Amino acid sequence: MQEFKYSWLLFDADGTLFDYNNAEETAIRKTFSQLGHEYYPEYLDAYKKINNQMWKAYECGGIHKNELKTQRFAILLEELKIKADHLMFSKNYLRNLS
């Protein structure tokens, strides 16, 4: 029997080992609640659109990753006309996502 020695074993966690879509929705819903705001399912669609645009900008070198983590929520809250601290939103969202 042939023995294999692997140096690395990679797993695609998002969508394979973890239900990222469910985790993302739970995190955003919980974050709105924590900051005292009603949550509506269309908020997730708006967030995903903004988030995808921000990640594309990051991949092209147009935005720094740390800026992406907070600006996506600044844009989202502005688009939804919700007065909330986007920095606190980002902090809570990332904690809820993990």
PDB file of N, CA and C in Angstrom:
ATOM      1  N   MET A   1       0.835  -1.176   0.000  1.00  0.00           N
ATOM      2  CA  MET A   1       0.000   0.000   0.000  1.00  0.00           C
ATOM      3  C   MET A   1       0.885   1.247   0.000  1.00  0.00           C
ATOM      4  N   GLN A   2       0.573   2.177  -0.891  1.00  0.00           N
ATOM      5  CA  GLN A   2       1.364   3.396  -1.020  1.00  0.00           C
ATOM      6  C   GLN A   2       0.960   4.401   0.058  1.00  0.00           C
ATOM      7  N   GLU A   3       1.939   4.993   0.702  1.00  0.00           N
ATOM      8  CA  GLU A   3       1.695   5.978   1.749  1.00  0.00           C
ATOM      9  C   GLU A   3       1.877   7.385   1.163  1.00  0.00           C
ATOM     10  N   PHE A   4       0.917   8.249   1.458  1.00  0.00           N
ATOM     11  CA  PHE A   4       0.988   9.625   0.990  1.00  0.00           C
ATOM     12  C   PHE A   4       1.308  10.536   2.159  1.00  0.00           C
ATOM     13  N   LYS A   5       2.172  11.484   1.916  1.00  0.00           N
ATOM     14  CA  LYS A   5       2.493  12.480   2.928  1.00  0.00           C
ATOM     15  C   LYS A   5       2.094  13.848   2.386  1.00  0.00           C
ATOM     16  N   TYR A   6       1.158  14.432   3.055  1.00  0.00           N
ATOM     17  CA  TYR A   6       0.665  15.740   2.635  1.00  0.00           C
ATOM     18  C   TYR A   6       1.275  16.821   3.508  1.00  0.00           C
ATOM     19  N   SER A   7       1.687  17.892   2.873  1.00  0.00           N
ATOM     20  CA  SER A   7       2.175  19.055   3.614  1.00  0.00           C
ATOM     21  C   SER A   7       1.018  19.959   4.010  1.00  0.00           C
ATOM     22  N   TRP A   8       0.008  20.011   3.173  1.00  0.00           N
ATOM     23  CA  TRP A   8      -1.123  20.900   3.399  1.00  0.00           C
ATOM     24  C   TRP A   8      -2.421  20.185   3.061  1.00  0.00           C
ATOM     25  N   LEU A   9      -3.454  20.527   3.763  1.00  0.00           N
ATOM     26  CA  LEU A   9      -4.797  20.063   3.459  1.00  0.00           C
ATOM     27  C   LEU A   9      -5.697  21.289   3.566  1.00  0.00           C
ATOM     28  N   LEU A  10      -6.293  21.682   2.462  1.00  0.00           N
ATOM     29  CA  LEU A  10      -7.110  22.891   2.423  1.00  0.00           C
ATOM     30  C   LEU A  10      -8.587  22.538   2.406  1.00  0.00           C
ATOM     31  N   PHE A  11      -9.370  23.314   3.137  1.00  0.00           N
ATOM     32  CA  PHE A  11     -10.814  23.190   3.137  1.00  0.00           C
ATOM     33  C   PHE A  11     -11.415  24.519   2.742  1.00  0.00           C
ATOM     34  N   ASP A  12     -12.470  24.468   1.964  1.00  0.00           N
ATOM     35  CA  ASP A  12     -13.229  25.667   1.638  1.00  0.00           C
ATOM     36  C   ASP A  12     -14.319  25.791   2.693  1.00  0.00           C
ATOM     37  N   ALA A  13     -14.081  26.612   3.694  1.00  0.00           N
ATOM     38  CA  ALA A  13     -14.998  26.706   4.830  1.00  0.00           C
ATOM     39  C   ALA A  13     -16.322  27.361   4.446  1.00  0.00           C
ATOM     40  N   ASP A  14     -16.266  28.482   3.724  1.00  0.00           N
ATOM     41  CA  ASP A  14     -17.481  29.228   3.391  1.00  0.00           C
ATOM     42  C   ASP A  14     -18.356  28.422   2.439  1.00  0.00           C
ATOM     43  N   GLY A  15     -19.517  28.032   2.923  1.00  0.00           N
ATOM     44  CA  GLY A  15     -20.455  27.315   2.083  1.00  0.00           C
ATOM     45  C   GLY A  15     -20.208  25.822   2.024  1.00  0.00           C
ATOM     46  N   THR A  16     -19.096  25.365   2.552  1.00  0.00           N
ATOM     47  CA  THR A  16     -18.807  23.930   2.560  1.00  0.00           C
ATOM     48  C   THR A  16     -18.870  23.406   3.983  1.00  0.00           C
ATOM     49  N   LEU A  17     -17.981  23.862   4.824  1.00  0.00           N
ATOM     50  CA  LEU A  17     -17.989  23.442   6.225  1.00  0.00           C
ATOM     51  C   LEU A  17     -18.928  24.306   7.064  1.00  0.00           C
ATOM     52  N   PHE A  18     -19.100  25.558   6.669  1.00  0.00           N
ATOM     53  CA  PHE A  18     -19.951  26.486   7.395  1.00  0.00           C
ATOM     54  C   PHE A  18     -21.058  26.981   6.477  1.00  0.00           C
ATOM     55  N   ASP A  19     -22.240  27.144   7.019  1.00  0.00           N
ATOM     56  CA  ASP A  19     -23.350  27.722   6.265  1.00  0.00           C
ATOM     57  C   ASP A  19     -23.214  29.239   6.361  1.00  0.00           C
ATOM     58  N   TYR A  20     -22.344  29.795   5.520  1.00  0.00           N
ATOM     59  CA  TYR A  20     -22.015  31.211   5.603  1.00  0.00           C
ATOM     60  C   TYR A  20     -23.234  32.093   5.335  1.00  0.00           C
ATOM     61  N   ASN A  21     -24.081  31.704   4.393  1.00  0.00           N
ATOM     62  CA  ASN A  21     -25.257  32.525   4.083  1.00  0.00           C
ATOM     63  C   ASN A  21     -26.167  32.666   5.294  1.00  0.00           C
ATOM     64  N   ASN A  22     -26.381  31.570   5.995  1.00  0.00           N
ATOM     65  CA  ASN A  22     -27.210  31.621   7.197  1.00  0.00           C
ATOM     66  C   ASN A  22     -26.520  32.428   8.295  1.00  0.00           C
ATOM     67  N   ALA A  23     -25.233  32.224   8.462  1.00  0.00           N
ATOM     68  CA  ALA A  23     -24.477  32.961   9.487  1.00  0.00           C
ATOM     69  C   ALA A  23     -24.503  34.460   9.200  1.00  0.00           C
ATOM     70  N   GLU A  24     -24.367  34.820   7.938  1.00  0.00           N
ATOM     71  CA  GLU A  24     -24.382  36.228   7.533  1.00  0.00           C
ATOM     72  C   GLU A  24     -25.741  36.860   7.839  1.00  0.00           C
ATOM     73  N   GLU A  25     -26.809  36.167   7.495  1.00  0.00           N
ATOM     74  CA  GLU A  25     -28.147  36.699   7.757  1.00  0.00           C
ATOM     75  C   GLU A  25     -28.407  36.815   9.259  1.00  0.00           C
ATOM     76  N   THR A  26     -28.022  35.810  10.011  1.00  0.00           N
ATOM     77  CA  THR A  26     -28.201  35.841  11.465  1.00  0.00           C
ATOM     78  C   THR A  26     -27.427  37.001  12.072  1.00  0.00           C
ATOM     79  N   ALA A  27     -26.191  37.207  11.618  1.00  0.00           N
ATOM     80  CA  ALA A  27     -25.348  38.275  12.158  1.00  0.00           C
ATOM     81  C   ALA A  27     -25.928  39.651  11.861  1.00  0.00           C
ATOM     82  N   ILE A  28     -26.412  39.863  10.665  1.00  0.00           N
ATOM     83  CA  ILE A  28     -26.922  41.191  10.324  1.00  0.00           C
ATOM     84  C   ILE A  28     -28.248  41.456  11.038  1.00  0.00           C
ATOM     85  N   ARG A  29     -29.093  40.432  11.126  1.00  0.00           N
ATOM     86  CA  ARG A  29     -30.365  40.573  11.848  1.00  0.00           C
ATOM     87  C   ARG A  29     -30.114  40.886  13.324  1.00  0.00           C
ATOM     88  N   LYS A  30     -29.197  40.149  13.925  1.00  0.00           N
ATOM     89  CA  LYS A  30     -28.871  40.339  15.337  1.00  0.00           C
ATOM     90  C   LYS A  30     -28.258  41.721  15.583  1.00  0.00           C
ATOM     91  N   THR A  31     -27.433  42.184  14.650  1.00  0.00           N
ATOM     92  CA  THR A  31     -26.786  43.491  14.795  1.00  0.00           C
ATOM     93  C   THR A  31     -27.810  44.613  14.755  1.00  0.00           C
ATOM     94  N   PHE A  32     -28.750  44.545  13.831  1.00  0.00           N
ATOM     95  CA  PHE A  32     -29.805  45.563  13.801  1.00  0.00           C
ATOM     96  C   PHE A  32     -30.562  45.574  15.126  1.00  0.00           C
ATOM     97  N   SER A  33     -30.889  44.405  15.635  1.00  0.00           N
ATOM     98  CA  SER A  33     -31.612  44.302  16.900  1.00  0.00           C
ATOM     99  C   SER A  33     -30.806  44.881  18.062  1.00  0.00           C
ATOM    100  N   GLN A  34     -29.532  44.556  18.127  1.00  0.00           N
ATOM    101  CA  GLN A  34     -28.668  45.050  19.207  1.00  0.00           C
ATOM    102  C   GLN A  34     -28.591  46.572  19.218  1.00  0.00           C
ATOM    103  N   LEU A  35     -28.676  47.175  18.047  1.00  0.00           N
ATOM    104  CA  LEU A  35     -28.589  48.634  17.966  1.00  0.00           C
ATOM    105  C   LEU A  35     -29.967  49.292  17.992  1.00  0.00           C
ATOM    106  N   GLY A  36     -30.997  48.482  18.296  1.00  0.00           N
ATOM    107  CA  GLY A  36     -32.332  49.023  18.492  1.00  0.00           C
ATOM    108  C   GLY A  36     -33.090  49.354  17.231  1.00  0.00           C
ATOM    109  N   HIS A  37     -32.787  48.658  16.150  1.00  0.00           N
ATOM    110  CA  HIS A  37     -33.459  48.922  14.881  1.00  0.00           C
ATOM    111  C   HIS A  37     -34.177  47.678  14.387  1.00  0.00           C
ATOM    112  N   GLU A  38     -35.310  47.905  13.762  1.00  0.00           N
ATOM    113  CA  GLU A  38     -36.079  46.832  13.136  1.00  0.00           C
ATOM    114  C   GLU A  38     -35.262  46.241  11.981  1.00  0.00           C
ATOM    115  N   TYR A  39     -35.425  44.958  11.751  1.00  0.00           N
ATOM    116  CA  TYR A  39     -34.745  44.291  10.634  1.00  0.00           C
ATOM    117  C   TYR A  39     -35.787  43.817   9.639  1.00  0.00           C
ATOM    118  N   TYR A  40     -35.497  44.023   8.357  1.00  0.00           N
ATOM    119  CA  TYR A  40     -36.351  43.541   7.277  1.00  0.00           C
ATOM    120  C   TYR A  40     -35.484  42.719   6.322  1.00  0.00           C
ATOM    121  N   PRO A  41     -36.026  41.634   5.778  1.00  0.00           N
ATOM    122  CA  PRO A  41     -35.222  40.755   4.908  1.00  0.00           C
ATOM    123  C   PRO A  41     -34.543  41.470   3.735  1.00  0.00           C
ATOM    124  N   GLU A  42     -35.150  42.526   3.217  1.00  0.00           N
ATOM    125  CA  GLU A  42     -34.535  43.237   2.089  1.00  0.00           C
ATOM    126  C   GLU A  42     -33.238  43.936   2.492  1.00  0.00           C
ATOM    127  N   TYR A  43     -33.028  44.132   3.798  1.00  0.00           N
ATOM    128  CA  TYR A  43     -31.772  44.709   4.267  1.00  0.00           C
ATOM    129  C   TYR A  43     -30.597  43.808   3.920  1.00  0.00           C
ATOM    130  N   LEU A  44     -30.818  42.512   4.000  1.00  0.00           N
ATOM    131  CA  LEU A  44     -29.746  41.565   3.672  1.00  0.00           C
ATOM    132  C   LEU A  44     -29.375  41.672   2.197  1.00  0.00           C
ATOM    133  N   ASP A  45     -30.371  41.803   1.332  1.00  0.00           N
ATOM    134  CA  ASP A  45     -30.101  41.953  -0.101  1.00  0.00           C
ATOM    135  C   ASP A  45     -29.298  43.219  -0.373  1.00  0.00           C
ATOM    136  N   ALA A  46     -29.683  44.313   0.286  1.00  0.00           N
ATOM    137  CA  ALA A  46     -28.953  45.576   0.118  1.00  0.00           C
ATOM    138  C   ALA A  46     -27.518  45.416   0.607  1.00  0.00           C
ATOM    139  N   TYR A  47     -27.360  44.778   1.758  1.00  0.00           N
ATOM    140  CA  TYR A  47     -26.016  44.558   2.310  1.00  0.00           C
ATOM    141  C   TYR A  47     -25.161  43.724   1.356  1.00  0.00           C
ATOM    142  N   LYS A  48     -25.706  42.639   0.847  1.00  0.00           N
ATOM    143  CA  LYS A  48     -24.934  41.758  -0.043  1.00  0.00           C
ATOM    144  C   LYS A  48     -24.479  42.498  -1.294  1.00  0.00           C
ATOM    145  N   LYS A  49     -25.343  43.336  -1.840  1.00  0.00           N
ATOM    146  CA  LYS A  49     -24.984  44.110  -3.034  1.00  0.00           C
ATOM    147  C   LYS A  49     -23.819  45.056  -2.722  1.00  0.00           C
ATOM    148  N   ILE A  50     -23.940  45.780  -1.627  1.00  0.00           N
ATOM    149  CA  ILE A  50     -22.888  46.718  -1.220  1.00  0.00           C
ATOM    150  C   ILE A  50     -21.608  45.970  -0.884  1.00  0.00           C
ATOM    151  N   ASN A  51     -21.726  44.906  -0.135  1.00  0.00           N
ATOM    152  CA  ASN A  51     -20.563  44.115   0.271  1.00  0.00           C
ATOM    153  C   ASN A  51     -19.814  43.570  -0.948  1.00  0.00           C
ATOM    154  N   ASN A  52     -20.552  43.053  -1.921  1.00  0.00           N
ATOM    155  CA  ASN A  52     -19.911  42.537  -3.142  1.00  0.00           C
ATOM    156  C   ASN A  52     -19.163  43.639  -3.889  1.00  0.00           C
ATOM    157  N   GLN A  53     -19.761  44.814  -3.968  1.00  0.00           N
ATOM    158  CA  GLN A  53     -19.099  45.945  -4.636  1.00  0.00           C
ATOM    159  C   GLN A  53     -17.820  46.330  -3.900  1.00  0.00           C
ATOM    160  N   MET A  54     -17.885  46.322  -2.576  1.00  0.00           N
ATOM    161  CA  MET A  54     -16.723  46.695  -1.769  1.00  0.00           C
ATOM    162  C   MET A  54     -15.596  45.667  -1.923  1.00  0.00           C
ATOM    163  N   TRP A  55     -15.935  44.380  -1.954  1.00  0.00           N
ATOM    164  CA  TRP A  55     -14.908  43.345  -2.123  1.00  0.00           C
ATOM    165  C   TRP A  55     -14.272  43.425  -3.511  1.00  0.00           C
ATOM    166  N   LYS A  56     -15.062  43.765  -4.512  1.00  0.00           N
ATOM    167  CA  LYS A  56     -14.496  43.953  -5.862  1.00  0.00           C
ATOM    168  C   LYS A  56     -13.516  45.122  -5.858  1.00  0.00           C
ATOM    169  N   ALA A  57     -13.892  46.202  -5.182  1.00  0.00           N
ATOM    170  CA  ALA A  57     -12.991  47.361  -5.073  1.00  0.00           C
ATOM    171  C   ALA A  57     -11.711  46.967  -4.345  1.00  0.00           C
ATOM    172  N   TYR A  58     -11.838  46.176  -3.309  1.00  0.00           N
ATOM    173  CA  TYR A  58     -10.664  45.703  -2.558  1.00  0.00           C
ATOM    174  C   TYR A  58      -9.750  44.859  -3.454  1.00  0.00           C
ATOM    175  N   GLU A  59     -10.337  43.961  -4.217  1.00  0.00           N
ATOM    176  CA  GLU A  59      -9.560  43.088  -5.101  1.00  0.00           C
ATOM    177  C   GLU A  59      -8.808  43.877  -6.163  1.00  0.00           C
ATOM    178  N   CYS A  60      -9.360  45.025  -6.549  1.00  0.00           N
ATOM    179  CA  CYS A  60      -8.722  45.883  -7.557  1.00  0.00           C
ATOM    180  C   CYS A  60      -7.764  46.895  -6.924  1.00  0.00           C
ATOM    181  N   GLY A  61      -7.628  46.848  -5.610  1.00  0.00           N
ATOM    182  CA  GLY A  61      -6.737  47.778  -4.923  1.00  0.00           C
ATOM    183  C   GLY A  61      -7.344  49.139  -4.657  1.00  0.00           C
ATOM    184  N   GLY A  62      -8.666  49.256  -4.804  1.00  0.00           N
ATOM    185  CA  GLY A  62      -9.319  50.542  -4.627  1.00  0.00           C
ATOM    186  C   GLY A  62      -9.691  50.887  -3.199  1.00  0.00           C
ATOM    187  N   ILE A  63      -9.579  49.919  -2.299  1.00  0.00           N
ATOM    188  CA  ILE A  63      -9.941  50.150  -0.906  1.00  0.00           C
ATOM    189  C   ILE A  63      -9.129  49.199  -0.032  1.00  0.00           C
ATOM    190  N   HIS A  64      -8.781  49.653   1.155  1.00  0.00           N
ATOM    191  CA  HIS A  64      -8.039  48.825   2.108  1.00  0.00           C
ATOM    192  C   HIS A  64      -9.046  47.932   2.850  1.00  0.00           C
ATOM    193  N   LYS A  65      -8.616  46.738   3.243  1.00  0.00           N
ATOM    194  CA  LYS A  65      -9.511  45.783   3.891  1.00  0.00           C
ATOM    195  C   LYS A  65     -10.143  46.345   5.169  1.00  0.00           C
ATOM    196  N   ASN A  66      -9.384  47.069   5.968  1.00  0.00           N
ATOM    197  CA  ASN A  66      -9.940  47.648   7.199  1.00  0.00           C
ATOM    198  C   ASN A  66     -11.026  48.673   6.888  1.00  0.00           C
ATOM    199  N   GLU A  67     -10.827  49.424   5.821  1.00  0.00           N
ATOM    200  CA  GLU A  67     -11.825  50.405   5.406  1.00  0.00           C
ATOM    201  C   GLU A  67     -13.090  49.703   4.907  1.00  0.00           C
ATOM    202  N   LEU A  68     -12.898  48.626   4.174  1.00  0.00           N
ATOM    203  CA  LEU A  68     -14.016  47.840   3.670  1.00  0.00           C
ATOM    204  C   LEU A  68     -14.916  47.386   4.810  1.00  0.00           C
ATOM    205  N   LYS A  69     -14.310  46.917   5.895  1.00  0.00           N
ATOM    206  CA  LYS A  69     -15.063  46.359   7.022  1.00  0.00           C
ATOM    207  C   LYS A  69     -16.027  47.354   7.654  1.00  0.00           C
ATOM    208  N   THR A  70     -15.717  48.640   7.561  1.00  0.00           N
ATOM    209  CA  THR A  70     -16.606  49.637   8.165  1.00  0.00           C
ATOM    210  C   THR A  70     -17.424  50.406   7.126  1.00  0.00           C
ATOM    211  N   GLN A  71     -16.824  50.714   5.989  1.00  0.00           N
ATOM    212  CA  GLN A  71     -17.508  51.537   4.982  1.00  0.00           C
ATOM    213  C   GLN A  71     -18.724  50.850   4.393  1.00  0.00           C
ATOM    214  N   ARG A  72     -18.711  49.534   4.302  1.00  0.00           N
ATOM    215  CA  ARG A  72     -19.882  48.832   3.759  1.00  0.00           C
ATOM    216  C   ARG A  72     -21.111  49.108   4.618  1.00  0.00           C
ATOM    217  N   PHE A  73     -20.903  49.281   5.922  1.00  0.00           N
ATOM    218  CA  PHE A  73     -22.029  49.564   6.803  1.00  0.00           C
ATOM    219  C   PHE A  73     -22.398  51.046   6.789  1.00  0.00           C
ATOM    220  N   ALA A  74     -21.436  51.904   6.588  1.00  0.00           N
ATOM    221  CA  ALA A  74     -21.741  53.329   6.435  1.00  0.00           C
ATOM    222  C   ALA A  74     -22.644  53.517   5.215  1.00  0.00           C
ATOM    223  N   ILE A  75     -22.294  52.853   4.123  1.00  0.00           N
ATOM    224  CA  ILE A  75     -23.084  52.946   2.888  1.00  0.00           C
ATOM    225  C   ILE A  75     -24.461  52.322   3.084  1.00  0.00           C
ATOM    226  N   LEU A  76     -24.492  51.150   3.717  1.00  0.00           N
ATOM    227  CA  LEU A  76     -25.768  50.465   3.952  1.00  0.00           C
ATOM    228  C   LEU A  76     -26.713  51.316   4.795  1.00  0.00           C
ATOM    229  N   LEU A  77     -26.218  51.818   5.905  1.00  0.00           N
ATOM    230  CA  LEU A  77     -27.070  52.604   6.796  1.00  0.00           C
ATOM    231  C   LEU A  77     -27.552  53.882   6.118  1.00  0.00           C
ATOM    232  N   GLU A  78     -26.684  54.496   5.333  1.00  0.00           N
ATOM    233  CA  GLU A  78     -27.086  55.695   4.594  1.00  0.00           C
ATOM    234  C   GLU A  78     -28.166  55.349   3.569  1.00  0.00           C
ATOM    235  N   GLU A  79     -27.965  54.255   2.843  1.00  0.00           N
ATOM    236  CA  GLU A  79     -28.934  53.835   1.828  1.00  0.00           C
ATOM    237  C   GLU A  79     -30.292  53.515   2.456  1.00  0.00           C
ATOM    238  N   LEU A  80     -30.272  52.917   3.648  1.00  0.00           N
ATOM    239  CA  LEU A  80     -31.513  52.556   4.335  1.00  0.00           C
ATOM    240  C   LEU A  80     -32.092  53.711   5.143  1.00  0.00           C
ATOM    241  N   LYS A  81     -31.367  54.839   5.165  1.00  0.00           N
ATOM    242  CA  LYS A  81     -31.778  56.033   5.914  1.00  0.00           C
ATOM    243  C   LYS A  81     -31.968  55.717   7.409  1.00  0.00           C
ATOM    244  N   ILE A  82     -30.997  54.974   7.938  1.00  0.00           N
ATOM    245  CA  ILE A  82     -30.998  54.615   9.355  1.00  0.00           C
ATOM    246  C   ILE A  82     -29.859  55.354  10.036  1.00  0.00           C
ATOM    247  N   LYS A  83     -30.192  56.046  11.101  1.00  0.00           N
ATOM    248  CA  LYS A  83     -29.170  56.761  11.866  1.00  0.00           C
ATOM    249  C   LYS A  83     -28.593  55.803  12.898  1.00  0.00           C
ATOM    250  N   ALA A  84     -27.361  55.384  12.643  1.00  0.00           N
ATOM    251  CA  ALA A  84     -26.659  54.478  13.559  1.00  0.00           C
ATOM    252  C   ALA A  84     -25.166  54.636  13.307  1.00  0.00           C
ATOM    253  N   ASP A  85     -24.396  54.296  14.288  1.00  0.00           N
ATOM    254  CA  ASP A  85     -22.936  54.374  14.201  1.00  0.00           C
ATOM    255  C   ASP A  85     -22.420  53.188  13.377  1.00  0.00           C
ATOM    256  N   HIS A  86     -21.896  53.463  12.197  1.00  0.00           N
ATOM    257  CA  HIS A  86     -21.434  52.383  11.322  1.00  0.00           C
ATOM    258  C   HIS A  86     -20.231  51.640  11.906  1.00  0.00           C
ATOM    259  N   LEU A  87     -19.427  52.313  12.714  1.00  0.00           N
ATOM    260  CA  LEU A  87     -18.286  51.648  13.347  1.00  0.00           C
ATOM    261  C   LEU A  87     -18.759  50.626  14.381  1.00  0.00           C
ATOM    262  N   MET A  88     -19.759  51.001  15.163  1.00  0.00           N
ATOM    263  CA  MET A  88     -20.339  50.078  16.141  1.00  0.00           C
ATOM    264  C   MET A  88     -21.071  48.942  15.425  1.00  0.00           C
ATOM    265  N   PHE A  89     -21.744  49.286  14.342  1.00  0.00           N
ATOM    266  CA  PHE A  89     -22.445  48.264  13.562  1.00  0.00           C
ATOM    267  C   PHE A  89     -21.446  47.226  13.067  1.00  0.00           C
ATOM    268  N   SER A  90     -20.335  47.689  12.517  1.00  0.00           N
ATOM    269  CA  SER A  90     -19.302  46.791  12.006  1.00  0.00           C
ATOM    270  C   SER A  90     -18.745  45.897  13.112  1.00  0.00           C
ATOM    271  N   LYS A  91     -18.443  46.501  14.240  1.00  0.00           N
ATOM    272  CA  LYS A  91     -17.882  45.753  15.371  1.00  0.00           C
ATOM    273  C   LYS A  91     -18.849  44.661  15.828  1.00  0.00           C
ATOM    274  N   ASN A  92     -20.118  45.022  16.001  1.00  0.00           N
ATOM    275  CA  ASN A  92     -21.127  44.039  16.422  1.00  0.00           C
ATOM    276  C   ASN A  92     -21.343  42.967  15.369  1.00  0.00           C
ATOM    277  N   TYR A  93     -21.410  43.388  14.111  1.00  0.00           N
ATOM    278  CA  TYR A  93     -21.631  42.421  13.030  1.00  0.00           C
ATOM    279  C   TYR A  93     -20.522  41.375  13.001  1.00  0.00           C
ATOM    280  N   LEU A  94     -19.275  41.817  13.059  1.00  0.00           N
ATOM    281  CA  LEU A  94     -18.153  40.876  13.008  1.00  0.00           C
ATOM    282  C   LEU A  94     -18.163  39.943  14.213  1.00  0.00           C
ATOM    283  N   ARG A  95     -18.524  40.459  15.366  1.00  0.00           N
ATOM    284  CA  ARG A  95     -18.613  39.608  16.557  1.00  0.00           C
ATOM    285  C   ARG A  95     -19.763  38.600  16.385  1.00  0.00           C
ATOM    286  N   ASN A  96     -20.897  39.054  15.879  1.00  0.00           N
ATOM    287  CA  ASN A  96     -22.038  38.163  15.667  1.00  0.00           C
ATOM    288  C   ASN A  96     -21.765  37.125  14.577  1.00  0.00           C
ATOM    289  N   LEU A  97     -21.005  37.501  13.595  1.00  0.00           N
ATOM    290  CA  LEU A  97     -20.688  36.585  12.501  1.00  0.00           C
ATOM    291  C   LEU A  97     -19.799  35.441  12.989  1.00  0.00           C
ATOM    292  N   SER A  98     -18.924  35.759  13.918  1.00  0.00           N
ATOM    293  CA  SER A  98     -18.013  34.710  14.408  1.00  0.00           C
ATOM    294  C   SER A  98     -18.731  33.816  15.394  1.00  0.00           C
TER     295      SER A  98
END
